[in-house]
């Protein structure tokens, strides 16, 4: 059993595991948004999208688009499909996850202090995902530079 684990783990690079992990998170949270009231961030997402788009996109459509975006990013990360473009899409998404800090701080922080609410914690954990996405994007860029250098 140990030999099998060693062989498998040797084949999986740490950065591949990181991309797979983020892909699973995106796929899971995106899939939840396809089903009404399953996502704990559904109301926050709708409120944020409404604020950003000035209510131009109907709520159900906005949530469907967000679900499609998140599941698409998740599937592409899992399949290692167009990695650079997908990492950029994920970083754009992560940028928008922080907009409630500016448009609805009363939801993000408790009234008595600057302690984050549960929704605030949900947003702040995205800092770790951003760092991971940036690391993966840097790796893609580094591999491209190495390929260009070896082809010259």
C-alpha atoms as a PDB file:
ATOM      1  CA  UNK A   1       0.000   0.000   0.000  1.00  0.00           C
ATOM      2  CA  UNK A   2       2.809   2.392   0.856  1.00  0.00           C
ATOM      3  CA  UNK A   3       4.443   1.748  -2.512  1.00  0.00           C
ATOM      4  CA  UNK A   4       1.219   2.590  -4.340  1.00  0.00           C
ATOM      5  CA  UNK A   5       0.789   5.797  -2.359  1.00  0.00           C
ATOM      6  CA  UNK A   6       4.398   6.800  -2.983  1.00  0.00           C
ATOM      7  CA  UNK A   7       4.065   6.154  -6.705  1.00  0.00           C
ATOM      8  CA  UNK A   8       0.823   8.094  -6.999  1.00  0.00           C
ATOM      9  CA  UNK A   9       2.004  10.992  -4.876  1.00  0.00           C
ATOM     10  CA  UNK A  10       5.235  11.222  -6.851  1.00  0.00           C
ATOM     11  CA  UNK A  11       3.196  11.663 -10.034  1.00  0.00           C
ATOM     12  CA  UNK A  12       1.025  14.406  -8.590  1.00  0.00           C
ATOM     13  CA  UNK A  13       2.943  17.622  -8.320  1.00  0.00           C
ATOM     14  CA  UNK A  14       2.035  19.957  -5.512  1.00  0.00           C
ATOM     15  CA  UNK A  15       0.813  22.622  -7.910  1.00  0.00           C
ATOM     16  CA  UNK A  16      -1.423  20.133  -9.700  1.00  0.00           C
ATOM     17  CA  UNK A  17      -2.915  19.223  -6.332  1.00  0.00           C
ATOM     18  CA  UNK A  18      -3.436  22.907  -5.628  1.00  0.00           C
ATOM     19  CA  UNK A  19      -5.255  23.411  -8.956  1.00  0.00           C
ATOM     20  CA  UNK A  20      -7.376  20.311  -8.342  1.00  0.00           C
ATOM     21  CA  UNK A  21      -8.262  21.503  -4.840  1.00  0.00           C
ATOM     22  CA  UNK A  22      -9.338  24.934  -6.046  1.00  0.00           C
ATOM     23  CA  UNK A  23     -11.204  23.309  -8.921  1.00  0.00           C
ATOM     24  CA  UNK A  24     -13.163  21.142  -6.494  1.00  0.00           C
ATOM     25  CA  UNK A  25     -14.039  24.159  -4.356  1.00  0.00           C
ATOM     26  CA  UNK A  26     -15.232  26.108  -7.393  1.00  0.00           C
ATOM     27  CA  UNK A  27     -17.185  23.149  -8.739  1.00  0.00           C
ATOM     28  CA  UNK A  28     -18.870  22.467  -5.383  1.00  0.00           C
ATOM     29  CA  UNK A  29     -19.828  26.060  -4.595  1.00  0.00           C
ATOM     30  CA  UNK A  30     -20.864  26.715  -8.184  1.00  0.00           C
ATOM     31  CA  UNK A  31     -23.047  23.610  -8.305  1.00  0.00           C
ATOM     32  CA  UNK A  32     -24.825  24.671  -5.108  1.00  0.00           C
ATOM     33  CA  UNK A  33     -25.930  27.875  -6.831  1.00  0.00           C
ATOM     34  CA  UNK A  34     -27.888  25.887  -9.435  1.00  0.00           C
ATOM     35  CA  UNK A  35     -30.332  24.881  -6.677  1.00  0.00           C
ATOM     36  CA  UNK A  36     -32.329  27.611  -4.968  1.00  0.00           C
ATOM     37  CA  UNK A  37     -31.432  28.270  -1.331  1.00  0.00           C
ATOM     38  CA  UNK A  38     -28.651  25.646  -1.106  1.00  0.00           C
ATOM     39  CA  UNK A  39     -25.782  28.098  -1.272  1.00  0.00           C
ATOM     40  CA  UNK A  40     -25.127  30.001   1.957  1.00  0.00           C
ATOM     41  CA  UNK A  41     -23.850  32.884  -0.169  1.00  0.00           C
ATOM     42  CA  UNK A  42     -26.870  33.073  -2.486  1.00  0.00           C
ATOM     43  CA  UNK A  43     -28.412  36.213  -0.971  1.00  0.00           C
ATOM     44  CA  UNK A  44     -25.039  37.932  -0.717  1.00  0.00           C
ATOM     45  CA  UNK A  45     -24.249  37.052  -4.342  1.00  0.00           C
ATOM     46  CA  UNK A  46     -27.591  38.361  -5.569  1.00  0.00           C
ATOM     47  CA  UNK A  47     -27.277  41.570  -3.558  1.00  0.00           C
ATOM     48  CA  UNK A  48     -23.728  42.116  -4.833  1.00  0.00           C
ATOM     49  CA  UNK A  49     -24.617  41.446  -8.475  1.00  0.00           C
ATOM     50  CA  UNK A  50     -27.641  43.733  -8.193  1.00  0.00           C
ATOM     51  CA  UNK A  51     -25.460  46.525  -6.821  1.00  0.00           C
ATOM     52  CA  UNK A  52     -22.749  46.091  -9.441  1.00  0.00           C
ATOM     53  CA  UNK A  53     -25.160  45.848 -12.387  1.00  0.00           C
ATOM     54  CA  UNK A  54     -27.665  48.398 -11.050  1.00  0.00           C
ATOM     55  CA  UNK A  55     -30.369  45.703 -11.077  1.00  0.00           C
ATOM     56  CA  UNK A  56     -30.077  45.288 -14.869  1.00  0.00           C
ATOM     57  CA  UNK A  57     -29.768  41.491 -14.664  1.00  0.00           C
ATOM     58  CA  UNK A  58     -32.721  39.557 -13.213  1.00  0.00           C
ATOM     59  CA  UNK A  59     -31.786  37.756  -9.981  1.00  0.00           C
ATOM     60  CA  UNK A  60     -32.351  34.232 -11.303  1.00  0.00           C
ATOM     61  CA  UNK A  61     -30.327  34.974 -14.412  1.00  0.00           C
ATOM     62  CA  UNK A  62     -27.523  36.524 -12.359  1.00  0.00           C
ATOM     63  CA  UNK A  63     -27.359  33.515 -10.070  1.00  0.00           C
ATOM     64  CA  UNK A  64     -27.413  31.131 -13.035  1.00  0.00           C
ATOM     65  CA  UNK A  65     -24.563  33.021 -14.710  1.00  0.00           C
ATOM     66  CA  UNK A  66     -22.557  32.952 -11.485  1.00  0.00           C
ATOM     67  CA  UNK A  67     -23.204  29.219 -11.080  1.00  0.00           C
ATOM     68  CA  UNK A  68     -22.102  28.614 -14.677  1.00  0.00           C
ATOM     69  CA  UNK A  69     -18.978  30.746 -14.216  1.00  0.00           C
ATOM     70  CA  UNK A  70     -17.944  28.984 -11.007  1.00  0.00           C
ATOM     71  CA  UNK A  71     -18.623  25.453 -12.262  1.00  0.00           C
ATOM     72  CA  UNK A  72     -16.876  26.218 -15.562  1.00  0.00           C
ATOM     73  CA  UNK A  73     -13.783  27.432 -13.702  1.00  0.00           C
ATOM     74  CA  UNK A  74     -13.910  24.366 -11.453  1.00  0.00           C
ATOM     75  CA  UNK A  75     -14.218  21.876 -14.305  1.00  0.00           C
ATOM     76  CA  UNK A  76     -11.479  23.569 -16.319  1.00  0.00           C
ATOM     77  CA  UNK A  77      -9.097  23.569 -13.354  1.00  0.00           C
ATOM     78  CA  UNK A  78      -9.825  19.894 -12.731  1.00  0.00           C
ATOM     79  CA  UNK A  79      -9.161  19.064 -16.388  1.00  0.00           C
ATOM     80  CA  UNK A  80      -6.179  21.426 -16.718  1.00  0.00           C
ATOM     81  CA  UNK A  81      -7.957  23.086 -19.645  1.00  0.00           C
ATOM     82  CA  UNK A  82      -6.714  26.504 -20.843  1.00  0.00           C
ATOM     83  CA  UNK A  83      -5.112  27.003 -17.468  1.00  0.00           C
ATOM     84  CA  UNK A  84      -3.892  30.589 -17.878  1.00  0.00           C
ATOM     85  CA  UNK A  85      -7.246  31.921 -19.118  1.00  0.00           C
ATOM     86  CA  UNK A  86      -9.141  30.024 -16.421  1.00  0.00           C
ATOM     87  CA  UNK A  87      -6.832  31.328 -13.692  1.00  0.00           C
ATOM     88  CA  UNK A  88      -7.489  34.870 -14.914  1.00  0.00           C
ATOM     89  CA  UNK A  89     -11.268  34.198 -14.890  1.00  0.00           C
ATOM     90  CA  UNK A  90     -10.972  32.883 -11.341  1.00  0.00           C
ATOM     91  CA  UNK A  91      -8.979  35.941 -10.228  1.00  0.00           C
ATOM     92  CA  UNK A  92     -11.596  38.261 -11.754  1.00  0.00           C
ATOM     93  CA  UNK A  93     -14.260  36.326  -9.844  1.00  0.00           C
ATOM     94  CA  UNK A  94     -12.234  36.621  -6.635  1.00  0.00           C
ATOM     95  CA  UNK A  95     -11.929  40.377  -7.147  1.00  0.00           C
ATOM     96  CA  UNK A  96     -15.716  40.664  -7.241  1.00  0.00           C
ATOM     97  CA  UNK A  97     -16.112  38.556  -4.090  1.00  0.00           C
ATOM     98  CA  UNK A  98     -14.597  41.447  -2.145  1.00  0.00           C
ATOM     99  CA  UNK A  99     -17.068  44.077  -3.390  1.00  0.00           C
ATOM    100  CA  UNK A 100     -19.474  43.510  -0.459  1.00  0.00           C
ATOM    101  CA  UNK A 101     -16.772  44.996   1.785  1.00  0.00           C
ATOM    102  CA  UNK A 102     -17.449  48.312   0.065  1.00  0.00           C
ATOM    103  CA  UNK A 103     -21.119  48.132  -0.881  1.00  0.00           C
ATOM    104  CA  UNK A 104     -22.500  46.347   2.197  1.00  0.00           C
ATOM    105  CA  UNK A 105     -20.024  46.501   5.090  1.00  0.00           C
ATOM    106  CA  UNK A 106     -22.906  46.103   7.564  1.00  0.00           C
ATOM    107  CA  UNK A 107     -23.287  42.494   6.388  1.00  0.00           C
ATOM    108  CA  UNK A 108     -19.565  41.784   6.608  1.00  0.00           C
ATOM    109  CA  UNK A 109     -18.780  43.211  10.047  1.00  0.00           C
ATOM    110  CA  UNK A 110     -20.680  42.964  13.299  1.00  0.00           C
ATOM    111  CA  UNK A 111     -22.256  46.156  14.618  1.00  0.00           C
ATOM    112  CA  UNK A 112     -20.278  46.159  17.836  1.00  0.00           C
ATOM    113  CA  UNK A 113     -16.777  45.734  16.417  1.00  0.00           C
ATOM    114  CA  UNK A 114     -14.752  45.143  13.321  1.00  0.00           C
ATOM    115  CA  UNK A 115     -15.046  41.414  13.872  1.00  0.00           C
ATOM    116  CA  UNK A 116     -16.217  39.757  10.664  1.00  0.00           C
ATOM    117  CA  UNK A 117     -19.586  38.054  10.562  1.00  0.00           C
ATOM    118  CA  UNK A 118     -19.857  34.526   9.179  1.00  0.00           C
ATOM    119  CA  UNK A 119     -20.387  36.027   5.710  1.00  0.00           C
ATOM    120  CA  UNK A 120     -17.355  38.245   6.278  1.00  0.00           C
ATOM    121  CA  UNK A 121     -15.268  35.208   7.140  1.00  0.00           C
ATOM    122  CA  UNK A 122     -16.634  33.521   4.002  1.00  0.00           C
ATOM    123  CA  UNK A 123     -15.233  36.423   1.973  1.00  0.00           C
ATOM    124  CA  UNK A 124     -11.916  36.789   3.795  1.00  0.00           C
ATOM    125  CA  UNK A 125     -11.012  33.132   3.225  1.00  0.00           C
ATOM    126  CA  UNK A 126     -10.777  34.048  -0.433  1.00  0.00           C
ATOM    127  CA  UNK A 127      -7.411  35.671   0.301  1.00  0.00           C
ATOM    128  CA  UNK A 128      -5.964  32.159   0.499  1.00  0.00           C
ATOM    129  CA  UNK A 129      -7.587  31.206  -2.810  1.00  0.00           C
ATOM    130  CA  UNK A 130      -6.212  34.374  -4.439  1.00  0.00           C
ATOM    131  CA  UNK A 131      -2.708  33.512  -3.220  1.00  0.00           C
ATOM    132  CA  UNK A 132      -3.075  29.987  -4.603  1.00  0.00           C
ATOM    133  CA  UNK A 133      -4.405  31.252  -7.953  1.00  0.00           C
ATOM    134  CA  UNK A 134      -1.550  33.761  -8.194  1.00  0.00           C
ATOM    135  CA  UNK A 135       0.945  30.980  -7.465  1.00  0.00           C
ATOM    136  CA  UNK A 136      -0.571  28.817 -10.193  1.00  0.00           C
ATOM    137  CA  UNK A 137      -0.575  31.727 -12.643  1.00  0.00           C
ATOM    138  CA  UNK A 138       3.081  32.426 -11.883  1.00  0.00           C
ATOM    139  CA  UNK A 139       3.867  28.746 -12.505  1.00  0.00           C
ATOM    140  CA  UNK A 140       2.118  28.885 -15.907  1.00  0.00           C
ATOM    141  CA  UNK A 141       4.102  32.017 -16.771  1.00  0.00           C
ATOM    142  CA  UNK A 142       7.387  30.447 -15.599  1.00  0.00           C
ATOM    143  CA  UNK A 143       6.772  27.286 -17.652  1.00  0.00           C
ATOM    144  CA  UNK A 144       6.036  29.444 -20.713  1.00  0.00           C
ATOM    145  CA  UNK A 145       9.270  31.376 -20.205  1.00  0.00           C
ATOM    146  CA  UNK A 146      11.232  28.117 -19.868  1.00  0.00           C
ATOM    147  CA  UNK A 147       9.677  26.773 -23.079  1.00  0.00           C
ATOM    148  CA  UNK A 148      10.566  29.958 -24.920  1.00  0.00           C
ATOM    149  CA  UNK A 149      14.121  29.870 -23.581  1.00  0.00           C
ATOM    150  CA  UNK A 150      14.664  26.251 -24.602  1.00  0.00           C
ATOM    151  CA  UNK A 151      13.273  26.882 -28.110  1.00  0.00           C
ATOM    152  CA  UNK A 152      15.741  29.685 -28.842  1.00  0.00           C
END
